[in-house]
Amino acid sequence: MSERKQTVFPSPDLSKMTEIIIDHRTKIYVTPGTDIEEAKNRYLYRNSIRGTR
């Protein structure tokens, strides 16, 4: 019987990413050079439509 190899997903290096604070308990990390307001609005939009399904 052959063994399956486990897929290893490396976690991103957060020190190389930009932190965006959404509220007092929510933070997201984006690549440097990303528009902060656009990323914040995309996050809030995705969260708002997630609750309507």
C-alpha atoms as a PDB file:
ATOM      1  CA  MET A   1       0.000   0.000   0.000  1.00  0.00           C
ATOM      2  CA  SER A   2       1.440   3.380  -0.950  1.00  0.00           C
ATOM      3  CA  GLU A   3       1.428   6.349   1.383  1.00  0.00           C
ATOM      4  CA  ARG A   4       0.084   9.703   0.286  1.00  0.00           C
ATOM      5  CA  LYS A   5       2.340  12.706   0.602  1.00  0.00           C
ATOM      6  CA  GLN A   6       0.949  15.503   2.709  1.00  0.00           C
ATOM      7  CA  THR A   7       0.637  18.857   1.019  1.00  0.00           C
ATOM      8  CA  VAL A   8       2.471  21.545   2.943  1.00  0.00           C
ATOM      9  CA  PHE A   9       1.244  25.113   2.535  1.00  0.00           C
ATOM     10  CA  PRO A  10       3.800  27.633   3.794  1.00  0.00           C
ATOM     11  CA  SER A  11       2.294  30.476   5.795  1.00  0.00           C
ATOM     12  CA  PRO A  12       2.989  33.985   4.479  1.00  0.00           C
ATOM     13  CA  ASP A  13       5.660  36.106   6.146  1.00  0.00           C
ATOM     14  CA  LEU A  14       3.589  38.771   7.918  1.00  0.00           C
ATOM     15  CA  SER A  15       6.640  40.980   8.479  1.00  0.00           C
ATOM     16  CA  LYS A  16       6.722  41.604   4.719  1.00  0.00           C
ATOM     17  CA  MET A  17       3.017  42.503   4.533  1.00  0.00           C
ATOM     18  CA  THR A  18       1.105  45.658   5.425  1.00  0.00           C
ATOM     19  CA  GLU A  19      -1.318  45.460   8.348  1.00  0.00           C
ATOM     20  CA  ILE A  20      -4.731  47.111   7.974  1.00  0.00           C
ATOM     21  CA  ILE A  21      -6.854  47.559  11.084  1.00  0.00           C
ATOM     22  CA  ILE A  22     -10.566  47.149  10.336  1.00  0.00           C
ATOM     23  CA  ASP A  23     -11.863  47.560  13.897  1.00  0.00           C
ATOM     24  CA  HIS A  24     -10.566  46.993  17.410  1.00  0.00           C
ATOM     25  CA  ARG A  25     -10.396  43.201  16.951  1.00  0.00           C
ATOM     26  CA  THR A  26     -10.007  42.692  13.193  1.00  0.00           C
ATOM     27  CA  LYS A  27      -6.753  43.049  11.264  1.00  0.00           C
ATOM     28  CA  ILE A  28      -6.005  42.030   7.693  1.00  0.00           C
ATOM     29  CA  TYR A  29      -2.660  41.798   5.959  1.00  0.00           C
ATOM     30  CA  VAL A  30      -2.080  42.802   2.321  1.00  0.00           C
ATOM     31  CA  THR A  31       0.926  43.019   0.071  1.00  0.00           C
ATOM     32  CA  PRO A  32       2.834  46.305   0.147  1.00  0.00           C
ATOM     33  CA  GLY A  33       1.649  48.816  -2.428  1.00  0.00           C
ATOM     34  CA  THR A  34      -2.013  47.785  -2.179  1.00  0.00           C
ATOM     35  CA  ASP A  35      -4.528  50.618  -1.755  1.00  0.00           C
ATOM     36  CA  ILE A  36      -5.488  50.530   1.926  1.00  0.00           C
ATOM     37  CA  GLU A  37      -8.991  51.982   1.521  1.00  0.00           C
ATOM     38  CA  GLU A  38      -9.819  49.633  -1.356  1.00  0.00           C
ATOM     39  CA  ALA A  39      -8.668  46.582   0.628  1.00  0.00           C
ATOM     40  CA  LYS A  40     -10.680  47.692   3.649  1.00  0.00           C
ATOM     41  CA  ASN A  41     -13.813  48.254   1.530  1.00  0.00           C
ATOM     42  CA  ARG A  42     -13.424  44.861  -0.206  1.00  0.00           C
ATOM     43  CA  TYR A  43     -13.137  43.132   3.169  1.00  0.00           C
ATOM     44  CA  LEU A  44     -16.229  44.890   4.535  1.00  0.00           C
ATOM     45  CA  TYR A  45     -18.200  44.153   1.355  1.00  0.00           C
ATOM     46  CA  ARG A  46     -17.336  40.456   1.405  1.00  0.00           C
ATOM     47  CA  ASN A  47     -18.308  40.206   5.068  1.00  0.00           C
ATOM     48  CA  SER A  48     -21.641  41.947   4.451  1.00  0.00           C
ATOM     49  CA  ILE A  49     -22.720  39.602   1.628  1.00  0.00           C
ATOM     50  CA  ARG A  50     -21.587  36.518   3.537  1.00  0.00           C
ATOM     51  CA  GLY A  51     -24.342  36.985   6.139  1.00  0.00           C
ATOM     52  CA  THR A  52     -27.149  37.322   3.562  1.00  0.00           C
ATOM     53  CA  ARG A  53     -26.947  33.817   2.116  1.00  0.00           C
END
